[in-house]
Amino acid sequence: MARVTGNSLLRGISGKIGSITVRQVGNQTIVSAAEGQKRGAGSPKQQEQRGRMHLARLYAQAQLLDPATKALYATGITTRLNNARLVAITDFMNAPVVTAVDLSGYHGQAGDSIRIRATDDFAVTAVLVRLYTPLGKLAAEAAATLQPDTSWLYHTLTAGPYQPGTRIEVEAQDRPGNKTHWSFTL
C-alpha cells in the first residue's frame, strides 16, 4: 500500500487500474494491489502480523457496535486516525508502556507507596503491582489507583519484603487487554 501526495494525476480517482486499486480516504489517495491479487503466504512474521490485524479489525467492529464505546474511541480521532474504527484498531495493535516506576516511597512498611507512570496510544485502564519475596513467593498483589496527574499509585496494606532479592512487578493494561510487564529486583 502506498500513499500518494501531491500527484494531481491520481487526485479524485477511485477504482481499479490494471493491477492496482486507487481509493480516496479522507484527503489522501491510497494505492494498493488490486483485490483478488494472489499474494504469497508470507513469512511466519508476516502471517502473525496479518492474524493480529484481522483480530484488530474484529475488535474494532465489535467496539463500534456499542454507541458509548464508539463515542469513547471517537475522542481519539486525529488527522492521522480520522475515525473511531482506526483509533480502535490502533489501540488493539499497541500495548501500553511502563515509562517509570518510583520506588523511593517503598521501604517494606504498611502504607508505603510505589508510583507508576504508564502510557498507551489510547488509554491505560489498569495497573497491577505484585511483590515477591527473595524466594519467589507472592507476598502482595493489588491494583494501583489512577491519580489526577495521570500517574498510578500503589499503597502497601501490610509490611512486606524489602531486602535484596525482593522482586517488584508492574503490569499495565489497556482497553483491548494488551498487557506490558515491568520487573525490578532489589
N, C-alpha and C. Protein backbone atom coordinates (compact mmCIF):
# COMPACT_ATOMS: atom_id res chain seq x y z
N MET A 1 0.84 -1.17 0.00
CA MET A 1 0.00 0.00 0.00
C MET A 1 0.89 1.23 0.00
N ALA A 2 0.52 2.20 -0.79
CA ALA A 2 1.28 3.45 -0.85
C ALA A 2 0.31 4.60 -0.70
N ARG A 3 0.81 5.68 -0.12
CA ARG A 3 0.03 6.91 0.00
C ARG A 3 0.60 7.88 -1.01
N VAL A 4 -0.27 8.47 -1.79
CA VAL A 4 0.16 9.40 -2.83
C VAL A 4 -0.15 10.81 -2.37
N THR A 5 0.87 11.69 -2.39
CA THR A 5 0.66 13.09 -2.04
C THR A 5 1.18 13.97 -3.17
N GLY A 6 0.49 15.02 -3.41
CA GLY A 6 0.94 16.00 -4.40
C GLY A 6 0.90 15.51 -5.83
N ASN A 7 0.12 14.49 -6.14
CA ASN A 7 0.05 13.98 -7.50
C ASN A 7 -1.33 14.29 -8.06
N SER A 8 -1.42 15.31 -8.90
CA SER A 8 -2.71 15.72 -9.42
C SER A 8 -3.31 14.70 -10.37
N LEU A 9 -2.49 13.80 -10.93
CA LEU A 9 -2.99 12.78 -11.85
C LEU A 9 -3.96 11.82 -11.15
N LEU A 10 -3.65 11.43 -9.91
CA LEU A 10 -4.48 10.46 -9.20
C LEU A 10 -5.50 11.10 -8.25
N ARG A 11 -5.42 12.40 -8.05
CA ARG A 11 -6.34 13.06 -7.11
C ARG A 11 -7.78 12.90 -7.59
N GLY A 12 -8.61 12.38 -6.73
CA GLY A 12 -10.03 12.22 -7.04
C GLY A 12 -10.37 10.93 -7.75
N ILE A 13 -9.38 10.14 -8.14
CA ILE A 13 -9.64 8.88 -8.84
C ILE A 13 -9.84 7.78 -7.83
N SER A 14 -10.83 6.93 -8.09
CA SER A 14 -11.06 5.74 -7.28
C SER A 14 -11.37 4.60 -8.22
N GLY A 15 -10.81 3.44 -7.89
CA GLY A 15 -11.12 2.27 -8.69
C GLY A 15 -9.89 1.46 -9.05
N LYS A 16 -10.11 0.48 -9.91
CA LYS A 16 -9.04 -0.43 -10.31
C LYS A 16 -8.44 0.04 -11.63
N ILE A 17 -7.09 0.10 -11.64
CA ILE A 17 -6.36 0.45 -12.87
C ILE A 17 -5.35 -0.66 -13.06
N GLY A 18 -5.63 -1.55 -13.99
CA GLY A 18 -4.72 -2.69 -14.20
C GLY A 18 -4.63 -3.53 -12.94
N SER A 19 -3.42 -3.65 -12.39
CA SER A 19 -3.24 -4.49 -11.21
C SER A 19 -3.18 -3.68 -9.92
N ILE A 20 -3.60 -2.41 -9.95
CA ILE A 20 -3.61 -1.60 -8.73
C ILE A 20 -5.01 -1.07 -8.47
N THR A 21 -5.26 -0.74 -7.22
CA THR A 21 -6.50 -0.11 -6.82
C THR A 21 -6.17 1.25 -6.23
N VAL A 22 -6.90 2.27 -6.67
CA VAL A 22 -6.72 3.62 -6.16
C VAL A 22 -8.00 3.97 -5.40
N ARG A 23 -7.84 4.48 -4.17
CA ARG A 23 -9.01 4.88 -3.39
C ARG A 23 -8.70 6.14 -2.62
N GLN A 24 -9.76 6.86 -2.29
CA GLN A 24 -9.64 8.11 -1.55
C GLN A 24 -10.09 7.86 -0.12
N VAL A 25 -9.23 8.19 0.85
CA VAL A 25 -9.56 8.07 2.26
C VAL A 25 -9.29 9.43 2.88
N GLY A 26 -10.36 10.12 3.26
CA GLY A 26 -10.18 11.48 3.77
C GLY A 26 -9.60 12.34 2.66
N ASN A 27 -8.48 12.98 2.95
CA ASN A 27 -7.83 13.81 1.93
C ASN A 27 -6.60 13.13 1.37
N GLN A 28 -6.51 11.80 1.49
CA GLN A 28 -5.36 11.05 1.00
C GLN A 28 -5.77 10.12 -0.14
N THR A 29 -4.84 9.89 -1.04
CA THR A 29 -5.03 8.92 -2.10
C THR A 29 -4.21 7.69 -1.74
N ILE A 30 -4.85 6.52 -1.68
CA ILE A 30 -4.19 5.27 -1.30
C ILE A 30 -4.12 4.38 -2.53
N VAL A 31 -2.92 3.86 -2.81
CA VAL A 31 -2.70 2.95 -3.93
C VAL A 31 -2.28 1.61 -3.36
N SER A 32 -2.96 0.53 -3.76
CA SER A 32 -2.62 -0.80 -3.25
C SER A 32 -2.85 -1.84 -4.35
N ALA A 33 -2.43 -3.07 -4.07
CA ALA A 33 -2.65 -4.17 -5.01
C ALA A 33 -4.15 -4.37 -5.19
N ALA A 34 -4.57 -4.67 -6.39
CA ALA A 34 -5.98 -4.86 -6.68
C ALA A 34 -6.52 -6.06 -5.92
N GLU A 35 -7.78 -5.98 -5.54
CA GLU A 35 -8.44 -7.10 -4.89
C GLU A 35 -8.32 -8.34 -5.75
N GLY A 36 -8.19 -9.45 -5.12
CA GLY A 36 -8.11 -10.70 -5.88
C GLY A 36 -6.70 -11.03 -6.31
N GLN A 37 -5.76 -10.10 -6.12
CA GLN A 37 -4.37 -10.40 -6.47
C GLN A 37 -3.86 -11.46 -5.49
N LYS A 38 -3.26 -12.46 -6.02
CA LYS A 38 -2.72 -13.52 -5.17
C LYS A 38 -1.44 -13.01 -4.53
N ARG A 39 -1.36 -13.16 -3.23
CA ARG A 39 -0.10 -12.84 -2.58
C ARG A 39 0.36 -14.11 -1.88
N GLY A 40 1.64 -14.24 -1.79
CA GLY A 40 2.21 -15.44 -1.18
C GLY A 40 1.80 -15.57 0.27
N ALA A 41 2.06 -16.74 0.81
CA ALA A 41 1.71 -17.00 2.20
C ALA A 41 2.46 -16.06 3.13
N GLY A 42 3.64 -15.62 2.71
CA GLY A 42 4.42 -14.71 3.54
C GLY A 42 5.24 -15.46 4.57
N SER A 43 6.12 -14.72 5.19
CA SER A 43 6.97 -15.30 6.23
C SER A 43 6.12 -15.55 7.48
N PRO A 44 6.63 -16.32 8.41
CA PRO A 44 5.88 -16.53 9.66
C PRO A 44 5.54 -15.21 10.37
N LYS A 45 6.47 -14.24 10.35
CA LYS A 45 6.19 -12.95 10.98
C LYS A 45 5.06 -12.21 10.25
N GLN A 46 5.07 -12.29 8.90
CA GLN A 46 4.00 -11.64 8.13
C GLN A 46 2.66 -12.30 8.42
N GLN A 47 2.65 -13.62 8.50
CA GLN A 47 1.41 -14.33 8.80
C GLN A 47 0.90 -13.96 10.19
N GLU A 48 1.82 -13.85 11.15
CA GLU A 48 1.43 -13.46 12.50
C GLU A 48 0.85 -12.05 12.50
N GLN A 49 1.48 -11.13 11.78
CA GLN A 49 1.00 -9.75 11.72
C GLN A 49 -0.37 -9.67 11.03
N ARG A 50 -0.54 -10.44 9.97
CA ARG A 50 -1.85 -10.46 9.30
C ARG A 50 -2.93 -10.99 10.24
N GLY A 51 -2.58 -12.00 11.02
CA GLY A 51 -3.53 -12.55 12.00
C GLY A 51 -3.89 -11.52 13.06
N ARG A 52 -2.89 -10.80 13.56
CA ARG A 52 -3.14 -9.75 14.56
C ARG A 52 -4.01 -8.64 13.98
N MET A 53 -3.73 -8.29 12.70
CA MET A 53 -4.52 -7.23 12.06
C MET A 53 -5.97 -7.68 11.88
N HIS A 54 -6.16 -8.93 11.55
CA HIS A 54 -7.52 -9.47 11.42
C HIS A 54 -8.25 -9.37 12.77
N LEU A 55 -7.57 -9.76 13.83
CA LEU A 55 -8.17 -9.67 15.17
C LEU A 55 -8.45 -8.22 15.55
N ALA A 56 -7.56 -7.31 15.15
CA ALA A 56 -7.76 -5.89 15.44
C ALA A 56 -9.01 -5.36 14.74
N ARG A 57 -9.22 -5.77 13.48
CA ARG A 57 -10.42 -5.34 12.76
C ARG A 57 -11.68 -5.89 13.41
N LEU A 58 -11.63 -7.15 13.85
CA LEU A 58 -12.79 -7.74 14.54
C LEU A 58 -13.06 -7.01 15.86
N TYR A 59 -11.98 -6.69 16.59
CA TYR A 59 -12.12 -5.96 17.85
C TYR A 59 -12.80 -4.60 17.59
N ALA A 60 -12.30 -3.87 16.60
CA ALA A 60 -12.85 -2.55 16.30
C ALA A 60 -14.32 -2.66 15.90
N GLN A 61 -14.63 -3.64 15.09
CA GLN A 61 -16.02 -3.83 14.65
C GLN A 61 -16.93 -4.06 15.86
N ALA A 62 -16.49 -4.89 16.79
CA ALA A 62 -17.29 -5.18 17.99
C ALA A 62 -17.43 -3.94 18.88
N GLN A 63 -16.36 -3.16 19.02
CA GLN A 63 -16.39 -1.97 19.87
C GLN A 63 -17.34 -0.91 19.33
N LEU A 64 -17.40 -0.80 18.01
CA LEU A 64 -18.22 0.25 17.41
C LEU A 64 -19.71 -0.07 17.41
N LEU A 65 -20.07 -1.30 17.79
CA LEU A 65 -21.49 -1.65 17.91
C LEU A 65 -22.13 -0.98 19.12
N ASP A 66 -21.32 -0.68 20.14
CA ASP A 66 -21.81 -0.02 21.34
C ASP A 66 -21.62 1.50 21.17
N PRO A 67 -22.71 2.26 21.16
CA PRO A 67 -22.58 3.71 20.93
C PRO A 67 -21.68 4.42 21.94
N ALA A 68 -21.70 3.99 23.20
CA ALA A 68 -20.86 4.63 24.21
C ALA A 68 -19.37 4.36 23.94
N THR A 69 -19.05 3.14 23.57
CA THR A 69 -17.65 2.81 23.27
C THR A 69 -17.21 3.48 21.98
N LYS A 70 -18.11 3.55 21.02
CA LYS A 70 -17.78 4.25 19.77
C LYS A 70 -17.48 5.72 20.06
N ALA A 71 -18.30 6.33 20.91
CA ALA A 71 -18.07 7.74 21.27
C ALA A 71 -16.75 7.89 22.02
N LEU A 72 -16.41 6.92 22.86
CA LEU A 72 -15.15 6.96 23.59
C LEU A 72 -13.97 6.91 22.61
N TYR A 73 -14.00 5.99 21.66
CA TYR A 73 -12.93 5.90 20.68
C TYR A 73 -12.91 7.13 19.76
N ALA A 74 -14.06 7.76 19.55
CA ALA A 74 -14.11 8.96 18.72
C ALA A 74 -13.32 10.10 19.36
N THR A 75 -13.12 10.06 20.67
CA THR A 75 -12.34 11.11 21.33
C THR A 75 -10.86 11.04 20.95
N GLY A 76 -10.42 9.92 20.39
CA GLY A 76 -9.02 9.75 19.99
C GLY A 76 -8.75 10.10 18.53
N ILE A 77 -9.75 10.63 17.83
CA ILE A 77 -9.58 10.95 16.41
C ILE A 77 -8.56 12.07 16.24
N THR A 78 -7.63 11.85 15.31
CA THR A 78 -6.60 12.84 14.96
C THR A 78 -6.60 12.99 13.44
N THR A 79 -5.66 13.76 12.93
CA THR A 79 -5.57 13.89 11.47
C THR A 79 -5.13 12.57 10.84
N ARG A 80 -4.30 11.79 11.56
CA ARG A 80 -3.84 10.51 11.03
C ARG A 80 -4.88 9.40 11.26
N LEU A 81 -5.48 9.39 12.42
CA LEU A 81 -6.53 8.41 12.74
C LEU A 81 -7.86 9.14 12.65
N ASN A 82 -8.44 9.15 11.45
CA ASN A 82 -9.56 10.05 11.20
C ASN A 82 -10.95 9.47 11.45
N ASN A 83 -11.02 8.29 12.12
CA ASN A 83 -12.32 7.79 12.53
C ASN A 83 -12.14 6.85 13.73
N ALA A 84 -13.24 6.59 14.42
CA ALA A 84 -13.18 5.78 15.65
C ALA A 84 -12.70 4.35 15.37
N ARG A 85 -13.00 3.82 14.19
CA ARG A 85 -12.56 2.46 13.83
C ARG A 85 -11.04 2.39 13.81
N LEU A 86 -10.38 3.36 13.18
CA LEU A 86 -8.92 3.36 13.12
C LEU A 86 -8.30 3.54 14.51
N VAL A 87 -8.94 4.34 15.35
CA VAL A 87 -8.45 4.53 16.71
C VAL A 87 -8.53 3.20 17.46
N ALA A 88 -9.63 2.47 17.31
CA ALA A 88 -9.79 1.18 17.99
C ALA A 88 -8.79 0.15 17.46
N ILE A 89 -8.57 0.12 16.15
CA ILE A 89 -7.59 -0.82 15.58
C ILE A 89 -6.20 -0.52 16.12
N THR A 90 -5.83 0.74 16.13
CA THR A 90 -4.52 1.15 16.63
C THR A 90 -4.38 0.80 18.11
N ASP A 91 -5.43 1.00 18.87
CA ASP A 91 -5.40 0.66 20.30
C ASP A 91 -5.16 -0.83 20.47
N PHE A 92 -5.81 -1.64 19.67
CA PHE A 92 -5.63 -3.10 19.74
C PHE A 92 -4.20 -3.50 19.41
N MET A 93 -3.62 -2.85 18.43
CA MET A 93 -2.29 -3.23 17.93
C MET A 93 -1.14 -2.80 18.84
N ASN A 94 -1.37 -1.83 19.71
CA ASN A 94 -0.29 -1.28 20.53
C ASN A 94 -0.54 -1.49 22.02
N ALA A 95 0.40 -2.15 22.67
CA ALA A 95 0.33 -2.38 24.10
C ALA A 95 0.78 -1.13 24.86
N PRO A 96 0.34 -0.98 26.12
CA PRO A 96 0.82 0.16 26.91
C PRO A 96 2.31 0.02 27.22
N VAL A 97 2.90 1.10 27.69
CA VAL A 97 4.32 1.12 28.03
C VAL A 97 4.46 1.65 29.46
N VAL A 98 5.21 0.93 30.29
CA VAL A 98 5.54 1.42 31.63
C VAL A 98 6.78 2.30 31.45
N THR A 99 6.62 3.60 31.66
CA THR A 99 7.72 4.54 31.40
C THR A 99 8.57 4.83 32.63
N ALA A 100 8.00 4.71 33.84
CA ALA A 100 8.77 4.98 35.05
C ALA A 100 8.10 4.32 36.25
N VAL A 101 8.93 3.86 37.17
CA VAL A 101 8.45 3.33 38.44
C VAL A 101 9.30 3.97 39.53
N ASP A 102 8.64 4.69 40.43
CA ASP A 102 9.34 5.39 41.51
C ASP A 102 9.21 4.56 42.78
N LEU A 103 10.32 3.97 43.21
CA LEU A 103 10.35 3.13 44.40
C LEU A 103 10.82 3.88 45.64
N SER A 104 11.03 5.20 45.52
CA SER A 104 11.58 5.95 46.65
C SER A 104 10.65 5.95 47.87
N GLY A 105 9.36 5.72 47.68
CA GLY A 105 8.42 5.70 48.80
C GLY A 105 8.17 4.32 49.36
N TYR A 106 8.90 3.32 48.86
CA TYR A 106 8.70 1.94 49.33
C TYR A 106 9.88 1.49 50.19
N HIS A 107 9.56 1.09 51.44
CA HIS A 107 10.59 0.63 52.38
C HIS A 107 10.16 -0.65 53.08
N GLY A 108 9.12 -1.32 52.57
CA GLY A 108 8.67 -2.58 53.16
C GLY A 108 7.69 -2.41 54.30
N GLN A 109 7.20 -1.20 54.53
CA GLN A 109 6.26 -0.95 55.63
C GLN A 109 4.84 -0.77 55.10
N ALA A 110 3.85 -1.03 55.97
CA ALA A 110 2.45 -0.80 55.60
C ALA A 110 2.26 0.69 55.31
N GLY A 111 1.55 0.99 54.25
CA GLY A 111 1.29 2.37 53.86
C GLY A 111 2.33 2.96 52.93
N ASP A 112 3.41 2.23 52.66
CA ASP A 112 4.42 2.71 51.70
C ASP A 112 3.78 2.80 50.31
N SER A 113 4.40 3.58 49.44
CA SER A 113 3.80 3.75 48.11
C SER A 113 4.83 3.53 47.00
N ILE A 114 4.31 3.11 45.88
CA ILE A 114 5.08 2.97 44.64
C ILE A 114 4.29 3.73 43.58
N ARG A 115 4.94 4.68 42.93
CA ARG A 115 4.28 5.48 41.88
C ARG A 115 4.72 4.95 40.51
N ILE A 116 3.74 4.77 39.64
CA ILE A 116 4.00 4.20 38.31
C ILE A 116 3.51 5.19 37.25
N ARG A 117 4.30 5.33 36.21
CA ARG A 117 3.89 6.08 35.03
C ARG A 117 3.77 5.09 33.88
N ALA A 118 2.61 5.05 33.27
CA ALA A 118 2.37 4.16 32.14
C ALA A 118 1.58 4.93 31.10
N THR A 119 1.92 4.70 29.83
CA THR A 119 1.23 5.39 28.75
C THR A 119 0.73 4.37 27.73
N ASP A 120 -0.22 4.81 26.93
CA ASP A 120 -0.77 3.99 25.85
C ASP A 120 -1.21 4.95 24.75
N ASP A 121 -1.34 4.44 23.55
CA ASP A 121 -1.78 5.30 22.45
C ASP A 121 -3.22 5.77 22.65
N PHE A 122 -4.01 5.04 23.45
CA PHE A 122 -5.36 5.50 23.75
C PHE A 122 -5.54 5.70 25.25
N ALA A 123 -5.51 4.63 26.03
CA ALA A 123 -5.68 4.78 27.49
C ALA A 123 -5.19 3.55 28.22
N VAL A 124 -4.51 3.77 29.33
CA VAL A 124 -4.17 2.70 30.26
C VAL A 124 -5.39 2.54 31.16
N THR A 125 -5.90 1.33 31.29
CA THR A 125 -7.12 1.12 32.08
C THR A 125 -6.86 0.52 33.44
N ALA A 126 -5.71 -0.12 33.63
CA ALA A 126 -5.42 -0.74 34.93
C ALA A 126 -3.92 -0.93 35.08
N VAL A 127 -3.46 -0.82 36.34
CA VAL A 127 -2.08 -1.12 36.68
C VAL A 127 -2.11 -2.00 37.91
N LEU A 128 -1.43 -3.13 37.84
CA LEU A 128 -1.39 -4.11 38.92
C LEU A 128 0.05 -4.21 39.42
N VAL A 129 0.23 -4.25 40.74
CA VAL A 129 1.56 -4.36 41.34
C VAL A 129 1.62 -5.65 42.14
N ARG A 130 2.72 -6.38 41.97
CA ARG A 130 2.96 -7.62 42.72
C ARG A 130 4.33 -7.53 43.39
N LEU A 131 4.40 -7.97 44.65
CA LEU A 131 5.65 -8.03 45.38
C LEU A 131 5.96 -9.49 45.69
N TYR A 132 7.18 -9.90 45.39
CA TYR A 132 7.61 -11.28 45.62
C TYR A 132 8.77 -11.29 46.62
N THR A 133 8.79 -12.29 47.49
CA THR A 133 9.89 -12.46 48.42
C THR A 133 11.14 -12.89 47.65
N PRO A 134 12.30 -12.81 48.29
CA PRO A 134 13.53 -13.27 47.62
C PRO A 134 13.46 -14.74 47.17
N LEU A 135 12.59 -15.54 47.80
CA LEU A 135 12.43 -16.94 47.41
C LEU A 135 11.40 -17.12 46.29
N GLY A 136 10.82 -16.01 45.82
CA GLY A 136 9.88 -16.08 44.70
C GLY A 136 8.43 -16.25 45.09
N LYS A 137 8.11 -16.20 46.38
CA LYS A 137 6.73 -16.36 46.84
C LYS A 137 6.01 -15.02 46.74
N LEU A 138 4.78 -15.04 46.22
CA LEU A 138 3.98 -13.82 46.11
C LEU A 138 3.65 -13.32 47.51
N ALA A 139 4.08 -12.10 47.83
CA ALA A 139 3.84 -11.52 49.15
C ALA A 139 2.66 -10.56 49.15
N ALA A 140 2.45 -9.85 48.05
CA ALA A 140 1.35 -8.89 47.97
C ALA A 140 1.00 -8.66 46.50
N GLU A 141 -0.28 -8.38 46.28
CA GLU A 141 -0.76 -8.08 44.93
C GLU A 141 -1.97 -7.19 45.07
N ALA A 142 -1.96 -6.06 44.37
CA ALA A 142 -3.10 -5.14 44.41
C ALA A 142 -3.04 -4.20 43.22
N ALA A 143 -4.18 -3.63 42.92
CA ALA A 143 -4.27 -2.66 41.82
C ALA A 143 -3.81 -1.30 42.32
N ALA A 144 -3.13 -0.58 41.45
CA ALA A 144 -2.77 0.81 41.72
C ALA A 144 -3.96 1.68 41.33
N THR A 145 -4.03 2.86 41.89
CA THR A 145 -5.13 3.76 41.58
C THR A 145 -4.63 4.93 40.74
N LEU A 146 -5.45 5.33 39.79
CA LEU A 146 -5.12 6.44 38.91
C LEU A 146 -5.19 7.75 39.69
N GLN A 147 -4.15 8.57 39.52
CA GLN A 147 -4.06 9.85 40.21
C GLN A 147 -4.41 10.99 39.25
N PRO A 148 -4.74 12.17 39.78
CA PRO A 148 -5.08 13.30 38.91
C PRO A 148 -3.96 13.70 37.95
N ASP A 149 -2.70 13.42 38.31
CA ASP A 149 -1.58 13.76 37.42
C ASP A 149 -1.30 12.66 36.39
N THR A 150 -2.22 11.72 36.24
CA THR A 150 -2.18 10.57 35.31
C THR A 150 -1.16 9.50 35.70
N SER A 151 -0.53 9.62 36.87
CA SER A 151 0.31 8.53 37.36
C SER A 151 -0.60 7.53 38.08
N TRP A 152 -0.05 6.39 38.42
CA TRP A 152 -0.77 5.35 39.16
C TRP A 152 -0.05 5.16 40.48
N LEU A 153 -0.81 5.01 41.58
CA LEU A 153 -0.21 4.91 42.91
C LEU A 153 -0.65 3.61 43.58
N TYR A 154 0.35 2.87 44.06
CA TYR A 154 0.11 1.63 44.79
C TYR A 154 0.52 1.85 46.23
N HIS A 155 -0.38 1.54 47.18
CA HIS A 155 -0.08 1.63 48.61
C HIS A 155 -0.06 0.21 49.19
N THR A 156 1.00 -0.09 49.92
CA THR A 156 1.07 -1.39 50.58
C THR A 156 0.09 -1.41 51.75
N LEU A 157 -0.59 -2.52 51.92
CA LEU A 157 -1.55 -2.64 53.02
C LEU A 157 -0.89 -3.19 54.28
N THR A 158 0.12 -4.01 54.10
CA THR A 158 0.82 -4.61 55.23
C THR A 158 2.32 -4.49 54.99
N ALA A 159 3.09 -4.72 56.04
CA ALA A 159 4.54 -4.74 55.87
C ALA A 159 4.88 -5.89 54.94
N GLY A 160 5.86 -5.67 54.07
CA GLY A 160 6.21 -6.69 53.10
C GLY A 160 7.71 -6.81 52.97
N PRO A 161 8.15 -7.62 52.05
CA PRO A 161 9.59 -7.83 51.90
C PRO A 161 10.29 -6.57 51.39
N TYR A 162 11.41 -6.28 51.98
CA TYR A 162 12.28 -5.21 51.50
C TYR A 162 13.71 -5.61 51.83
N GLN A 163 14.22 -6.48 51.02
CA GLN A 163 15.58 -6.99 51.22
C GLN A 163 16.12 -7.38 49.86
N PRO A 164 17.43 -7.56 49.76
CA PRO A 164 17.99 -7.98 48.46
C PRO A 164 17.28 -9.23 47.95
N GLY A 165 16.91 -9.20 46.70
CA GLY A 165 16.21 -10.33 46.09
C GLY A 165 14.70 -10.14 46.01
N THR A 166 14.17 -9.13 46.71
CA THR A 166 12.74 -8.83 46.61
C THR A 166 12.46 -8.36 45.18
N ARG A 167 11.43 -8.94 44.56
CA ARG A 167 11.09 -8.58 43.18
C ARG A 167 9.78 -7.82 43.16
N ILE A 168 9.77 -6.72 42.42
CA ILE A 168 8.57 -5.91 42.25
C ILE A 168 8.18 -5.99 40.79
N GLU A 169 6.95 -6.38 40.53
CA GLU A 169 6.44 -6.47 39.16
C GLU A 169 5.28 -5.52 38.99
N VAL A 170 5.27 -4.85 37.85
CA VAL A 170 4.19 -3.93 37.50
C VAL A 170 3.61 -4.40 36.16
N GLU A 171 2.28 -4.45 36.09
CA GLU A 171 1.60 -4.85 34.86
C GLU A 171 0.62 -3.74 34.48
N ALA A 172 0.78 -3.18 33.29
CA ALA A 172 -0.14 -2.15 32.79
C ALA A 172 -1.01 -2.77 31.71
N GLN A 173 -2.29 -2.39 31.68
CA GLN A 173 -3.24 -2.96 30.72
C GLN A 173 -4.03 -1.85 30.06
N ASP A 174 -4.40 -2.07 28.77
CA ASP A 174 -5.23 -1.10 28.06
C ASP A 174 -6.61 -1.70 27.77
N ARG A 175 -7.48 -0.97 27.09
CA ARG A 175 -8.87 -1.40 26.82
C ARG A 175 -8.97 -2.76 26.13
N PRO A 176 -8.17 -3.01 25.07
CA PRO A 176 -8.29 -4.30 24.40
C PRO A 176 -7.70 -5.47 25.19
N GLY A 177 -7.04 -5.19 26.31
CA GLY A 177 -6.47 -6.25 27.12
C GLY A 177 -4.98 -6.49 26.89
N ASN A 178 -4.33 -5.63 26.10
CA ASN A 178 -2.88 -5.73 25.93
C ASN A 178 -2.22 -5.46 27.28
N LYS A 179 -1.21 -6.25 27.60
CA LYS A 179 -0.51 -6.08 28.89
C LYS A 179 0.98 -5.92 28.66
N THR A 180 1.57 -5.07 29.49
CA THR A 180 3.01 -4.86 29.50
C THR A 180 3.51 -5.12 30.91
N HIS A 181 4.63 -5.81 31.02
CA HIS A 181 5.20 -6.13 32.33
C HIS A 181 6.52 -5.41 32.52
N TRP A 182 6.74 -4.97 33.76
CA TRP A 182 7.98 -4.35 34.17
C TRP A 182 8.39 -5.04 35.46
N SER A 183 9.66 -5.36 35.60
CA SER A 183 10.11 -6.08 36.78
C SER A 183 11.42 -5.49 37.28
N PHE A 184 11.57 -5.45 38.61
CA PHE A 184 12.79 -4.93 39.23
C PHE A 184 13.09 -5.77 40.46
N THR A 185 14.34 -6.14 40.64
CA THR A 185 14.75 -6.90 41.81
C THR A 185 15.65 -6.02 42.66
N LEU A 186 15.27 -5.90 43.96
CA LEU A 186 16.08 -5.09 44.89
C LEU A 186 17.43 -5.73 45.11
